[in-house]
Amino acid sequence: MKIEQLLLQSLELLGLGMGAVFIILILLIGLISIASRIVPEETVATTPTVAQTFVNRDHIAAITAAVHQYRKSRKL
């Protein structure tokens, strides 16, 4: 084969490959758009529940004591 024929064949393969990728990406964008219309958005609860706002004072005291003991042992 001559160089001209090889270059033409490579350009054909390049166009075919890029075209296939372009078509697949367009189809993927279309499918994602359709799926986003079908599936509702997830809603996040903005108000905290009673269990989330309740802070146990014993837990805070235990954590504070543990941090104090750790810092005291690191200063030796």
N, C-alpha and C. Protein backbone atom coordinates (compact mmCIF):
# COMPACT_ATOMS: atom_id res chain seq x y z
N MET A 1 0.84 -1.18 0.00
CA MET A 1 0.00 0.00 0.00
C MET A 1 0.88 1.24 0.00
N LYS A 2 0.38 2.25 -0.65
CA LYS A 2 1.11 3.51 -0.66
C LYS A 2 0.73 4.35 0.54
N ILE A 3 1.56 5.33 0.79
CA ILE A 3 1.35 6.18 1.97
C ILE A 3 0.03 6.94 1.88
N GLU A 4 -0.38 7.33 0.67
CA GLU A 4 -1.63 8.06 0.51
C GLU A 4 -2.82 7.19 0.91
N GLN A 5 -2.78 5.93 0.50
CA GLN A 5 -3.85 5.01 0.84
C GLN A 5 -3.90 4.77 2.36
N LEU A 6 -2.74 4.63 2.97
CA LEU A 6 -2.69 4.43 4.42
C LEU A 6 -3.23 5.65 5.17
N LEU A 7 -2.89 6.84 4.70
CA LEU A 7 -3.38 8.05 5.34
C LEU A 7 -4.90 8.17 5.19
N LEU A 8 -5.42 7.85 4.01
CA LEU A 8 -6.87 7.90 3.81
C LEU A 8 -7.58 6.88 4.69
N GLN A 9 -7.01 5.68 4.78
CA GLN A 9 -7.61 4.66 5.63
C GLN A 9 -7.57 5.08 7.10
N SER A 10 -6.47 5.68 7.52
CA SER A 10 -6.38 6.12 8.91
C SER A 10 -7.37 7.25 9.20
N LEU A 11 -7.57 8.15 8.25
CA LEU A 11 -8.56 9.22 8.43
C LEU A 11 -9.97 8.66 8.48
N GLU A 12 -10.25 7.63 7.68
CA GLU A 12 -11.57 7.00 7.72
C GLU A 12 -11.80 6.35 9.08
N LEU A 13 -10.79 5.64 9.57
CA LEU A 13 -10.92 5.00 10.88
C LEU A 13 -11.04 6.04 11.99
N LEU A 14 -10.31 7.13 11.85
CA LEU A 14 -10.40 8.21 12.83
C LEU A 14 -11.80 8.80 12.86
N GLY A 15 -12.35 9.07 11.70
CA GLY A 15 -13.71 9.61 11.62
C GLY A 15 -14.74 8.64 12.15
N LEU A 16 -14.57 7.36 11.82
CA LEU A 16 -15.51 6.35 12.30
C LEU A 16 -15.46 6.23 13.82
N GLY A 17 -14.27 6.20 14.39
CA GLY A 17 -14.12 6.08 15.84
C GLY A 17 -14.65 7.31 16.56
N MET A 18 -14.31 8.49 16.08
CA MET A 18 -14.78 9.71 16.72
C MET A 18 -16.30 9.84 16.58
N GLY A 19 -16.82 9.45 15.44
CA GLY A 19 -18.27 9.49 15.23
C GLY A 19 -18.99 8.55 16.19
N ALA A 20 -18.43 7.35 16.36
CA ALA A 20 -19.05 6.38 17.27
C ALA A 20 -19.04 6.92 18.70
N VAL A 21 -17.93 7.49 19.12
CA VAL A 21 -17.85 8.05 20.47
C VAL A 21 -18.84 9.20 20.62
N PHE A 22 -18.94 10.06 19.63
CA PHE A 22 -19.87 11.18 19.68
C PHE A 22 -21.31 10.70 19.81
N ILE A 23 -21.68 9.71 19.03
CA ILE A 23 -23.04 9.17 19.08
C ILE A 23 -23.32 8.54 20.44
N ILE A 24 -22.37 7.78 20.96
CA ILE A 24 -22.56 7.16 22.27
C ILE A 24 -22.72 8.21 23.35
N LEU A 25 -21.92 9.28 23.31
CA LEU A 25 -22.04 10.34 24.30
C LEU A 25 -23.38 11.06 24.20
N ILE A 26 -23.85 11.31 22.99
CA ILE A 26 -25.16 11.95 22.81
C ILE A 26 -26.26 11.05 23.38
N LEU A 27 -26.19 9.74 23.11
CA LEU A 27 -27.17 8.82 23.67
C LEU A 27 -27.10 8.79 25.20
N LEU A 28 -25.90 8.82 25.75
CA LEU A 28 -25.74 8.82 27.20
C LEU A 28 -26.34 10.07 27.83
N ILE A 29 -26.11 11.22 27.21
CA ILE A 29 -26.69 12.48 27.71
C ILE A 29 -28.21 12.41 27.66
N GLY A 30 -28.74 11.86 26.58
CA GLY A 30 -30.19 11.72 26.46
C GLY A 30 -30.77 10.81 27.53
N LEU A 31 -30.10 9.68 27.77
CA LEU A 31 -30.59 8.75 28.79
C LEU A 31 -30.53 9.37 30.18
N ILE A 32 -29.48 10.10 30.48
CA ILE A 32 -29.37 10.75 31.78
C ILE A 32 -30.44 11.82 31.94
N SER A 33 -30.72 12.55 30.88
CA SER A 33 -31.77 13.58 30.94
C SER A 33 -33.13 12.95 31.20
N ILE A 34 -33.40 11.86 30.53
CA ILE A 34 -34.68 11.18 30.72
C ILE A 34 -34.77 10.62 32.15
N ALA A 35 -33.68 10.03 32.63
CA ALA A 35 -33.68 9.46 33.98
C ALA A 35 -33.85 10.55 35.02
N SER A 36 -33.28 11.72 34.80
CA SER A 36 -33.42 12.80 35.78
C SER A 36 -34.84 13.34 35.83
N ARG A 37 -35.58 13.22 34.76
CA ARG A 37 -36.98 13.64 34.76
C ARG A 37 -37.87 12.61 35.44
N ILE A 38 -37.51 11.33 35.30
CA ILE A 38 -38.33 10.26 35.85
C ILE A 38 -38.12 10.13 37.35
N VAL A 39 -36.87 10.13 37.80
CA VAL A 39 -36.55 9.91 39.20
C VAL A 39 -36.66 11.23 39.95
N PRO A 40 -37.44 11.29 41.02
CA PRO A 40 -37.57 12.55 41.77
C PRO A 40 -36.29 12.85 42.54
N GLU A 41 -36.08 14.13 42.83
CA GLU A 41 -34.91 14.54 43.59
C GLU A 41 -35.06 14.11 45.04
N GLU A 42 -33.93 13.84 45.66
CA GLU A 42 -33.95 13.43 47.06
C GLU A 42 -34.10 14.66 47.93
N THR A 43 -35.05 14.57 48.87
CA THR A 43 -35.26 15.69 49.78
C THR A 43 -34.53 15.42 51.08
N VAL A 44 -33.92 16.45 51.62
CA VAL A 44 -33.17 16.33 52.86
C VAL A 44 -33.96 17.02 53.96
N ALA A 45 -34.09 16.35 55.10
CA ALA A 45 -34.80 16.93 56.22
C ALA A 45 -33.97 18.08 56.78
N THR A 46 -34.57 19.27 56.86
CA THR A 46 -33.84 20.44 57.33
C THR A 46 -33.98 20.65 58.82
N THR A 47 -35.02 20.11 59.42
CA THR A 47 -35.21 20.30 60.85
C THR A 47 -34.62 19.11 61.59
N PRO A 48 -33.80 19.37 62.61
CA PRO A 48 -33.22 18.25 63.37
C PRO A 48 -34.27 17.60 64.26
N THR A 49 -34.10 16.33 64.47
CA THR A 49 -35.03 15.61 65.33
C THR A 49 -34.62 15.78 66.79
N VAL A 50 -35.46 15.30 67.69
CA VAL A 50 -35.18 15.44 69.12
C VAL A 50 -33.91 14.66 69.47
N ALA A 51 -33.71 13.50 68.87
CA ALA A 51 -32.54 12.68 69.18
C ALA A 51 -31.25 13.36 68.73
N GLN A 52 -31.30 14.15 67.67
CA GLN A 52 -30.11 14.83 67.19
C GLN A 52 -29.76 16.04 68.04
N THR A 53 -30.73 16.70 68.62
CA THR A 53 -30.46 17.91 69.39
C THR A 53 -30.13 17.60 70.84
N PHE A 54 -30.45 16.41 71.32
CA PHE A 54 -30.22 16.05 72.71
C PHE A 54 -28.74 15.73 72.92
N VAL A 55 -28.11 16.41 73.89
CA VAL A 55 -26.71 16.18 74.21
C VAL A 55 -26.64 15.67 75.63
N ASN A 56 -26.04 14.51 75.79
CA ASN A 56 -25.93 13.91 77.12
C ASN A 56 -24.74 14.54 77.85
N ARG A 57 -24.99 15.14 78.99
CA ARG A 57 -23.94 15.81 79.76
C ARG A 57 -22.90 14.82 80.28
N ASP A 58 -23.31 13.60 80.56
CA ASP A 58 -22.35 12.59 81.02
C ASP A 58 -21.33 12.26 79.92
N HIS A 59 -21.80 12.20 78.68
CA HIS A 59 -20.89 11.94 77.57
C HIS A 59 -19.88 13.08 77.42
N ILE A 60 -20.35 14.30 77.54
CA ILE A 60 -19.46 15.45 77.42
C ILE A 60 -18.43 15.44 78.54
N ALA A 61 -18.85 15.11 79.74
CA ALA A 61 -17.92 15.04 80.88
C ALA A 61 -16.90 13.95 80.68
N ALA A 62 -17.32 12.80 80.17
CA ALA A 62 -16.39 11.69 79.94
C ALA A 62 -15.38 12.04 78.84
N ILE A 63 -15.83 12.67 77.78
CA ILE A 63 -14.92 13.07 76.70
C ILE A 63 -13.94 14.12 77.19
N THR A 64 -14.43 15.09 77.96
CA THR A 64 -13.55 16.14 78.50
C THR A 64 -12.49 15.53 79.41
N ALA A 65 -12.89 14.59 80.25
CA ALA A 65 -11.94 13.94 81.15
C ALA A 65 -10.91 13.14 80.37
N ALA A 66 -11.34 12.46 79.32
CA ALA A 66 -10.41 11.67 78.51
C ALA A 66 -9.41 12.57 77.79
N VAL A 67 -9.86 13.68 77.27
CA VAL A 67 -8.96 14.62 76.59
C VAL A 67 -7.97 15.21 77.59
N HIS A 68 -8.46 15.57 78.76
CA HIS A 68 -7.58 16.13 79.80
C HIS A 68 -6.52 15.11 80.22
N GLN A 69 -6.94 13.86 80.40
CA GLN A 69 -5.99 12.81 80.79
C GLN A 69 -4.98 12.56 79.68
N TYR A 70 -5.40 12.58 78.43
CA TYR A 70 -4.49 12.37 77.31
C TYR A 70 -3.46 13.49 77.23
N ARG A 71 -3.92 14.71 77.36
CA ARG A 71 -2.99 15.85 77.31
C ARG A 71 -2.02 15.82 78.49
N LYS A 72 -2.50 15.41 79.64
CA LYS A 72 -1.64 15.33 80.82
C LYS A 72 -0.56 14.26 80.63
N SER A 73 -0.93 13.13 80.04
CA SER A 73 0.04 12.04 79.84
C SER A 73 1.04 12.39 78.74
N ARG A 74 0.69 13.24 77.79
CA ARG A 74 1.61 13.62 76.70
C ARG A 74 2.64 14.65 77.16
N LYS A 75 2.40 15.35 78.25
CA LYS A 75 3.31 16.40 78.72
C LYS A 75 4.44 15.81 79.57
N LEU A 76 4.44 14.53 79.84
CA LEU A 76 5.47 13.94 80.70
C LEU A 76 6.80 14.05 80.10
